[in-house]
C-alpha cells in the first residue's frame, strides 16, 4: 500500500495574514462606522499575525490603516487632518482628555461639530511603542483627546497587558463606539474571543 501523501502547506489568509487555522475573517462582522477610524500601526505591530488593529480595520469597512512611525510625511493622513470637512480626535489618555465613560451625552455630542465627518485616531502598538508614536507625531497633540476606563479586563489574554485597564485595539474601538452610543456588533468581541481560543490551541507557548 502506498503511503499517504503529506498534506500540502496552505498559504496564510491574504486578509488577516494568519495561517488558515487561525483565520478569523469568517467570524468578523463587516460594517461602516460613524465616527470613522484611523489606525496608526507601529512597524513592529505590522509583523504580528494577531495584531488587533488589523482586525479592527477589517471589521470597519470605512476605516483607514496606516503603517509607520513618523506620519508627518504621510500624505493620506495629512490630507485627512487638513480637510475642513473632517473633525478628528485622538484616543490618548491624559490630563486634557475627555473621559468618555463619565461624559454627559451633551459633552460627547460636542466633541464632533455638526456637518463634519468625525474621525477617531487610534495608535495601534504596545504601550511603550504607542509612547514613541505619540512623541514622533506632534501634529496629534493639537487634536482633541478622548479616553475611557475599561469596564472589564482585556479579553486579549494571549498578549501581556501592562495593566488591568489596558485594552487591545479592537477592544478599544468597540468601547469607543459603545460609549458614543453607536452600539457596535457584539460579534467584534466574539471574533476576538474566538481568535484567543484558537491561539491557545495552536500556539500554547505564545
C-alpha atoms as a PDB file:
ATOM      1  CA  UNK A   1       0.000   0.000   0.000  1.00  0.00           C
ATOM      2  CA  UNK A   2       1.336   3.399  -0.934  1.00  0.00           C
ATOM      3  CA  UNK A   3       1.975   5.844   1.894  1.00  0.00           C
ATOM      4  CA  UNK A   4      -0.487   8.712   2.054  1.00  0.00           C
ATOM      5  CA  UNK A   5       0.967  11.974   0.836  1.00  0.00           C
ATOM      6  CA  UNK A   6       1.618  14.647   3.445  1.00  0.00           C
ATOM      7  CA  UNK A   7      -0.923  17.476   3.374  1.00  0.00           C
ATOM      8  CA  UNK A   8       0.172  20.420   1.273  1.00  0.00           C
ATOM      9  CA  UNK A   9       1.055  23.633   3.048  1.00  0.00           C
ATOM     10  CA  UNK A  10      -1.784  26.136   2.886  1.00  0.00           C
ATOM     11  CA  UNK A  11      -0.880  29.751   2.342  1.00  0.00           C
ATOM     12  CA  UNK A  12      -1.839  32.301   5.021  1.00  0.00           C
ATOM     13  CA  UNK A  13      -5.057  34.260   4.595  1.00  0.00           C
ATOM     14  CA  UNK A  14      -4.468  37.234   2.305  1.00  0.00           C
ATOM     15  CA  UNK A  15      -6.624  39.488   4.504  1.00  0.00           C
ATOM     16  CA  UNK A  16      -5.757  38.768   8.141  1.00  0.00           C
ATOM     17  CA  UNK A  17      -2.353  37.172   7.321  1.00  0.00           C
ATOM     18  CA  UNK A  18      -2.981  34.349   9.732  1.00  0.00           C
ATOM     19  CA  UNK A  19      -2.464  30.673   8.948  1.00  0.00           C
ATOM     20  CA  UNK A  20      -5.719  29.032   7.950  1.00  0.00           C
ATOM     21  CA  UNK A  21      -6.379  27.513  11.371  1.00  0.00           C
ATOM     22  CA  UNK A  22      -6.200  30.998  12.923  1.00  0.00           C
ATOM     23  CA  UNK A  23      -8.031  32.913  10.186  1.00  0.00           C
ATOM     24  CA  UNK A  24     -10.771  34.927  11.882  1.00  0.00           C
ATOM     25  CA  UNK A  25     -12.238  36.534   8.751  1.00  0.00           C
ATOM     26  CA  UNK A  26     -15.392  34.405   8.772  1.00  0.00           C
ATOM     27  CA  UNK A  27     -16.027  35.357  12.406  1.00  0.00           C
ATOM     28  CA  UNK A  28     -15.652  39.102  11.939  1.00  0.00           C
ATOM     29  CA  UNK A  29     -18.608  41.446  11.310  1.00  0.00           C
ATOM     30  CA  UNK A  30     -18.126  43.966   8.490  1.00  0.00           C
ATOM     31  CA  UNK A  31     -19.820  47.347   8.831  1.00  0.00           C
ATOM     32  CA  UNK A  32     -19.337  51.080   8.340  1.00  0.00           C
ATOM     33  CA  UNK A  33     -18.919  53.129  11.486  1.00  0.00           C
ATOM     34  CA  UNK A  34     -19.655  56.745  12.306  1.00  0.00           C
ATOM     35  CA  UNK A  35     -17.331  58.110  13.539  1.00  0.00           C
ATOM     36  CA  UNK A  36     -14.783  56.636  11.211  1.00  0.00           C
ATOM     37  CA  UNK A  37     -11.451  55.348  12.495  1.00  0.00           C
ATOM     38  CA  UNK A  38      -7.809  55.726  11.541  1.00  0.00           C
ATOM     39  CA  UNK A  39      -5.415  53.108  12.890  1.00  0.00           C
ATOM     40  CA  UNK A  40      -1.767  54.199  13.017  1.00  0.00           C
ATOM     41  CA  UNK A  41       0.128  50.926  13.191  1.00  0.00           C
ATOM     42  CA  UNK A  42       3.651  50.800  14.611  1.00  0.00           C
ATOM     43  CA  UNK A  43       6.088  48.994  12.243  1.00  0.00           C
ATOM     44  CA  UNK A  44       6.641  46.173  14.715  1.00  0.00           C
ATOM     45  CA  UNK A  45       2.912  45.619  15.049  1.00  0.00           C
ATOM     46  CA  UNK A  46       2.728  45.104  11.281  1.00  0.00           C
ATOM     47  CA  UNK A  47       4.672  41.868  11.667  1.00  0.00           C
ATOM     48  CA  UNK A  48       2.286  40.333  14.180  1.00  0.00           C
ATOM     49  CA  UNK A  49      -0.349  37.997  12.793  1.00  0.00           C
ATOM     50  CA  UNK A  50      -2.529  38.589  15.859  1.00  0.00           C
ATOM     51  CA  UNK A  51      -2.376  42.384  15.680  1.00  0.00           C
ATOM     52  CA  UNK A  52      -5.889  43.511  16.566  1.00  0.00           C
ATOM     53  CA  UNK A  53      -5.519  46.844  14.783  1.00  0.00           C
ATOM     54  CA  UNK A  54      -5.684  44.921  11.523  1.00  0.00           C
ATOM     55  CA  UNK A  55      -8.633  43.011  12.925  1.00  0.00           C
ATOM     56  CA  UNK A  56     -10.490  46.228  13.771  1.00  0.00           C
ATOM     57  CA  UNK A  57      -9.665  47.701  10.365  1.00  0.00           C
ATOM     58  CA  UNK A  58     -11.051  44.650   8.570  1.00  0.00           C
ATOM     59  CA  UNK A  59     -14.238  44.891  10.621  1.00  0.00           C
ATOM     60  CA  UNK A  60     -14.755  48.630   9.993  1.00  0.00           C
ATOM     61  CA  UNK A  61     -15.035  48.796   6.225  1.00  0.00           C
ATOM     62  CA  UNK A  62     -14.704  52.603   6.078  1.00  0.00           C
ATOM     63  CA  UNK A  63     -11.610  52.798   8.311  1.00  0.00           C
ATOM     64  CA  UNK A  64      -8.003  53.539   7.376  1.00  0.00           C
ATOM     65  CA  UNK A  65      -4.949  51.533   8.414  1.00  0.00           C
ATOM     66  CA  UNK A  66      -1.647  53.386   8.018  1.00  0.00           C
ATOM     67  CA  UNK A  67       1.727  51.882   8.873  1.00  0.00           C
ATOM     68  CA  UNK A  68       4.756  53.768  10.103  1.00  0.00           C
ATOM     69  CA  UNK A  69       6.400  55.684  12.925  1.00  0.00           C
ATOM     70  CA  UNK A  70       6.656  59.293  11.774  1.00  0.00           C
ATOM     71  CA  UNK A  71       3.468  60.221   9.911  1.00  0.00           C
ATOM     72  CA  UNK A  72       4.387  63.844   9.226  1.00  0.00           C
ATOM     73  CA  UNK A  73       5.022  62.960   5.588  1.00  0.00           C
ATOM     74  CA  UNK A  74       2.150  60.505   5.262  1.00  0.00           C
ATOM     75  CA  UNK A  75       0.051  62.152   2.577  1.00  0.00           C
ATOM     76  CA  UNK A  76      -3.178  60.322   3.301  1.00  0.00           C
ATOM     77  CA  UNK A  77      -3.177  61.230   6.990  1.00  0.00           C
ATOM     78  CA  UNK A  78      -2.062  64.815   6.432  1.00  0.00           C
ATOM     79  CA  UNK A  79      -4.760  65.325   3.793  1.00  0.00           C
ATOM     80  CA  UNK A  80      -7.380  63.941   6.169  1.00  0.00           C
ATOM     81  CA  UNK A  81      -6.224  66.221   9.014  1.00  0.00           C
ATOM     82  CA  UNK A  82      -6.138  69.295   6.780  1.00  0.00           C
ATOM     83  CA  UNK A  83      -9.560  68.758   5.202  1.00  0.00           C
ATOM     84  CA  UNK A  84     -12.036  71.246   6.765  1.00  0.00           C
ATOM     85  CA  UNK A  85     -14.826  68.746   6.122  1.00  0.00           C
ATOM     86  CA  UNK A  86     -13.291  66.454   8.760  1.00  0.00           C
ATOM     87  CA  UNK A  87     -13.049  66.697  12.529  1.00  0.00           C
ATOM     88  CA  UNK A  88     -10.534  64.387  14.204  1.00  0.00           C
ATOM     89  CA  UNK A  89      -9.983  63.337  17.789  1.00  0.00           C
ATOM     90  CA  UNK A  90      -7.303  61.002  19.112  1.00  0.00           C
ATOM     91  CA  UNK A  91      -7.727  58.264  21.698  1.00  0.00           C
ATOM     92  CA  UNK A  92      -4.980  59.144  24.164  1.00  0.00           C
ATOM     93  CA  UNK A  93      -5.220  59.214  27.956  1.00  0.00           C
ATOM     94  CA  UNK A  94      -4.080  62.458  29.504  1.00  0.00           C
ATOM     95  CA  UNK A  95      -4.955  65.399  31.709  1.00  0.00           C
ATOM     96  CA  UNK A  96      -6.912  67.177  28.969  1.00  0.00           C
ATOM     97  CA  UNK A  97      -8.664  64.113  27.563  1.00  0.00           C
ATOM     98  CA  UNK A  98     -12.457  63.896  27.631  1.00  0.00           C
ATOM     99  CA  UNK A  99     -13.345  60.853  29.747  1.00  0.00           C
ATOM    100  CA  UNK A 100     -15.988  59.188  27.586  1.00  0.00           C
ATOM    101  CA  UNK A 101     -17.146  56.872  30.377  1.00  0.00           C
ATOM    102  CA  UNK A 102     -18.048  59.898  32.528  1.00  0.00           C
ATOM    103  CA  UNK A 103     -19.057  62.490  29.933  1.00  0.00           C
ATOM    104  CA  UNK A 104     -22.689  63.525  29.506  1.00  0.00           C
ATOM    105  CA  UNK A 105     -24.453  62.932  26.190  1.00  0.00           C
ATOM    106  CA  UNK A 106     -24.153  66.663  25.529  1.00  0.00           C
ATOM    107  CA  UNK A 107     -20.391  66.616  26.157  1.00  0.00           C
ATOM    108  CA  UNK A 108     -19.953  63.654  23.842  1.00  0.00           C
ATOM    109  CA  UNK A 109     -22.011  65.329  21.135  1.00  0.00           C
ATOM    110  CA  UNK A 110     -19.911  68.479  21.438  1.00  0.00           C
ATOM    111  CA  UNK A 111     -16.784  66.515  20.525  1.00  0.00           C
ATOM    112  CA  UNK A 112     -17.917  66.363  16.914  1.00  0.00           C
ATOM    113  CA  UNK A 113     -19.211  69.546  15.255  1.00  0.00           C
ATOM    114  CA  UNK A 114     -22.346  69.028  13.144  1.00  0.00           C
ATOM    115  CA  UNK A 115     -21.851  68.918   9.422  1.00  0.00           C
ATOM    116  CA  UNK A 116     -18.347  67.466   9.624  1.00  0.00           C
ATOM    117  CA  UNK A 117     -17.126  63.923   9.215  1.00  0.00           C
ATOM    118  CA  UNK A 118     -15.971  62.602  12.581  1.00  0.00           C
ATOM    119  CA  UNK A 119     -12.751  60.578  12.806  1.00  0.00           C
ATOM    120  CA  UNK A 120     -11.148  58.844  15.775  1.00  0.00           C
ATOM    121  CA  UNK A 121      -7.407  58.164  15.552  1.00  0.00           C
ATOM    122  CA  UNK A 122      -6.017  55.159  17.447  1.00  0.00           C
ATOM    123  CA  UNK A 123      -2.370  54.236  17.954  1.00  0.00           C
ATOM    124  CA  UNK A 124      -2.027  50.536  17.239  1.00  0.00           C
ATOM    125  CA  UNK A 125       1.006  49.442  19.224  1.00  0.00           C
ATOM    126  CA  UNK A 126       2.158  48.169  22.578  1.00  0.00           C
ATOM    127  CA  UNK A 127       2.032  50.822  25.285  1.00  0.00           C
ATOM    128  CA  UNK A 128       5.747  51.564  25.035  1.00  0.00           C
ATOM    129  CA  UNK A 129       5.535  51.723  21.242  1.00  0.00           C
ATOM    130  CA  UNK A 130       2.465  53.970  21.463  1.00  0.00           C
ATOM    131  CA  UNK A 131       4.500  56.413  23.564  1.00  0.00           C
ATOM    132  CA  UNK A 132       7.074  56.533  20.774  1.00  0.00           C
ATOM    133  CA  UNK A 133       4.362  57.080  18.163  1.00  0.00           C
ATOM    134  CA  UNK A 134       2.967  59.937  20.239  1.00  0.00           C
ATOM    135  CA  UNK A 135       6.366  61.615  20.548  1.00  0.00           C
ATOM    136  CA  UNK A 136       7.133  61.251  16.852  1.00  0.00           C
ATOM    137  CA  UNK A 137       3.852  62.826  15.737  1.00  0.00           C
ATOM    138  CA  UNK A 138       3.347  66.251  17.374  1.00  0.00           C
ATOM    139  CA  UNK A 139       0.508  67.005  14.947  1.00  0.00           C
ATOM    140  CA  UNK A 140      -1.606  64.606  17.014  1.00  0.00           C
ATOM    141  CA  UNK A 141      -1.019  66.729  20.117  1.00  0.00           C
ATOM    142  CA  UNK A 142      -3.104  69.512  18.588  1.00  0.00           C
ATOM    143  CA  UNK A 143      -6.189  67.308  18.324  1.00  0.00           C
ATOM    144  CA  UNK A 144      -8.879  66.921  20.981  1.00  0.00           C
ATOM    145  CA  UNK A 145      -8.148  63.868  23.127  1.00  0.00           C
ATOM    146  CA  UNK A 146     -10.560  61.250  24.391  1.00  0.00           C
ATOM    147  CA  UNK A 147     -10.065  58.392  26.834  1.00  0.00           C
ATOM    148  CA  UNK A 148     -12.029  55.891  28.877  1.00  0.00           C
ATOM    149  CA  UNK A 149     -11.662  53.477  31.764  1.00  0.00           C
ATOM    150  CA  UNK A 150     -12.392  49.922  30.572  1.00  0.00           C
ATOM    151  CA  UNK A 151     -15.420  48.337  32.239  1.00  0.00           C
ATOM    152  CA  UNK A 152     -13.684  44.943  32.413  1.00  0.00           C
ATOM    153  CA  UNK A 153     -10.257  43.382  31.983  1.00  0.00           C
ATOM    154  CA  UNK A 154      -8.984  42.747  28.469  1.00  0.00           C
ATOM    155  CA  UNK A 155     -10.069  39.583  26.689  1.00  0.00           C
ATOM    156  CA  UNK A 156      -6.847  39.575  24.693  1.00  0.00           C
ATOM    157  CA  UNK A 157      -5.095  37.199  27.082  1.00  0.00           C
ATOM    158  CA  UNK A 158      -2.584  35.871  24.551  1.00  0.00           C
ATOM    159  CA  UNK A 159      -0.694  39.173  24.785  1.00  0.00           C
ATOM    160  CA  UNK A 160       0.679  40.518  28.051  1.00  0.00           C
ATOM    161  CA  UNK A 161      -1.034  43.745  29.101  1.00  0.00           C
ATOM    162  CA  UNK A 162       0.994  46.138  31.299  1.00  0.00           C
ATOM    163  CA  UNK A 163      -2.043  46.918  33.467  1.00  0.00           C
ATOM    164  CA  UNK A 164      -5.589  45.694  34.026  1.00  0.00           C
ATOM    165  CA  UNK A 165      -7.032  48.812  32.373  1.00  0.00           C
ATOM    166  CA  UNK A 166      -5.149  48.269  29.090  1.00  0.00           C
ATOM    167  CA  UNK A 167      -7.139  47.176  26.060  1.00  0.00           C
ATOM    168  CA  UNK A 168      -6.288  45.751  22.668  1.00  0.00           C
ATOM    169  CA  UNK A 169      -7.018  47.970  19.674  1.00  0.00           C
ATOM    170  CA  UNK A 170     -10.191  46.147  18.647  1.00  0.00           C
ATOM    171  CA  UNK A 171     -11.491  46.277  22.229  1.00  0.00           C
ATOM    172  CA  UNK A 172     -10.727  49.995  22.396  1.00  0.00           C
ATOM    173  CA  UNK A 173     -12.511  50.566  19.091  1.00  0.00           C
ATOM    174  CA  UNK A 174     -15.563  48.642  20.278  1.00  0.00           C
ATOM    175  CA  UNK A 175     -15.641  50.559  23.584  1.00  0.00           C
ATOM    176  CA  UNK A 176     -15.327  53.988  21.941  1.00  0.00           C
ATOM    177  CA  UNK A 177     -18.252  53.191  19.653  1.00  0.00           C
ATOM    178  CA  UNK A 178     -20.293  51.880  22.570  1.00  0.00           C
ATOM    179  CA  UNK A 179     -19.600  54.941  24.719  1.00  0.00           C
ATOM    180  CA  UNK A 180     -20.598  57.199  21.840  1.00  0.00           C
ATOM    181  CA  UNK A 181     -23.932  55.381  21.646  1.00  0.00           C
ATOM    182  CA  UNK A 182     -23.207  53.603  18.360  1.00  0.00           C
ATOM    183  CA  UNK A 183     -23.767  50.053  19.668  1.00  0.00           C
ATOM    184  CA  UNK A 184     -21.157  48.091  17.690  1.00  0.00           C
ATOM    185  CA  UNK A 185     -21.906  44.460  16.822  1.00  0.00           C
ATOM    186  CA  UNK A 186     -21.116  42.086  19.711  1.00  0.00           C
ATOM    187  CA  UNK A 187     -19.513  39.844  17.078  1.00  0.00           C
ATOM    188  CA  UNK A 188     -16.464  42.145  17.097  1.00  0.00           C
ATOM    189  CA  UNK A 189     -15.510  40.915  20.552  1.00  0.00           C
ATOM    190  CA  UNK A 190     -16.796  37.418  19.853  1.00  0.00           C
ATOM    191  CA  UNK A 191     -14.339  37.224  16.951  1.00  0.00           C
ATOM    192  CA  UNK A 192     -11.547  38.300  19.297  1.00  0.00           C
ATOM    193  CA  UNK A 193     -12.551  35.626  21.819  1.00  0.00           C
ATOM    194  CA  UNK A 194     -12.588  33.053  19.006  1.00  0.00           C
ATOM    195  CA  UNK A 195      -9.064  34.062  17.972  1.00  0.00           C
ATOM    196  CA  UNK A 196      -7.801  33.849  21.553  1.00  0.00           C
ATOM    197  CA  UNK A 197      -9.231  30.322  21.926  1.00  0.00           C
ATOM    198  CA  UNK A 198      -7.669  29.198  18.642  1.00  0.00           C
ATOM    199  CA  UNK A 199      -4.365  30.816  19.547  1.00  0.00           C
ATOM    200  CA  UNK A 200      -4.289  28.929  22.823  1.00  0.00           C
ATOM    201  CA  UNK A 201      -4.940  25.641  20.999  1.00  0.00           C
ATOM    202  CA  UNK A 202      -2.405  26.046  18.217  1.00  0.00           C
ATOM    203  CA  UNK A 203       0.214  28.230  19.873  1.00  0.00           C
ATOM    204  CA  UNK A 204       0.149  27.419  23.572  1.00  0.00           C
ATOM    205  CA  UNK A 205       3.606  28.924  24.163  1.00  0.00           C
ATOM    206  CA  UNK A 206       2.924  32.350  22.523  1.00  0.00           C
END
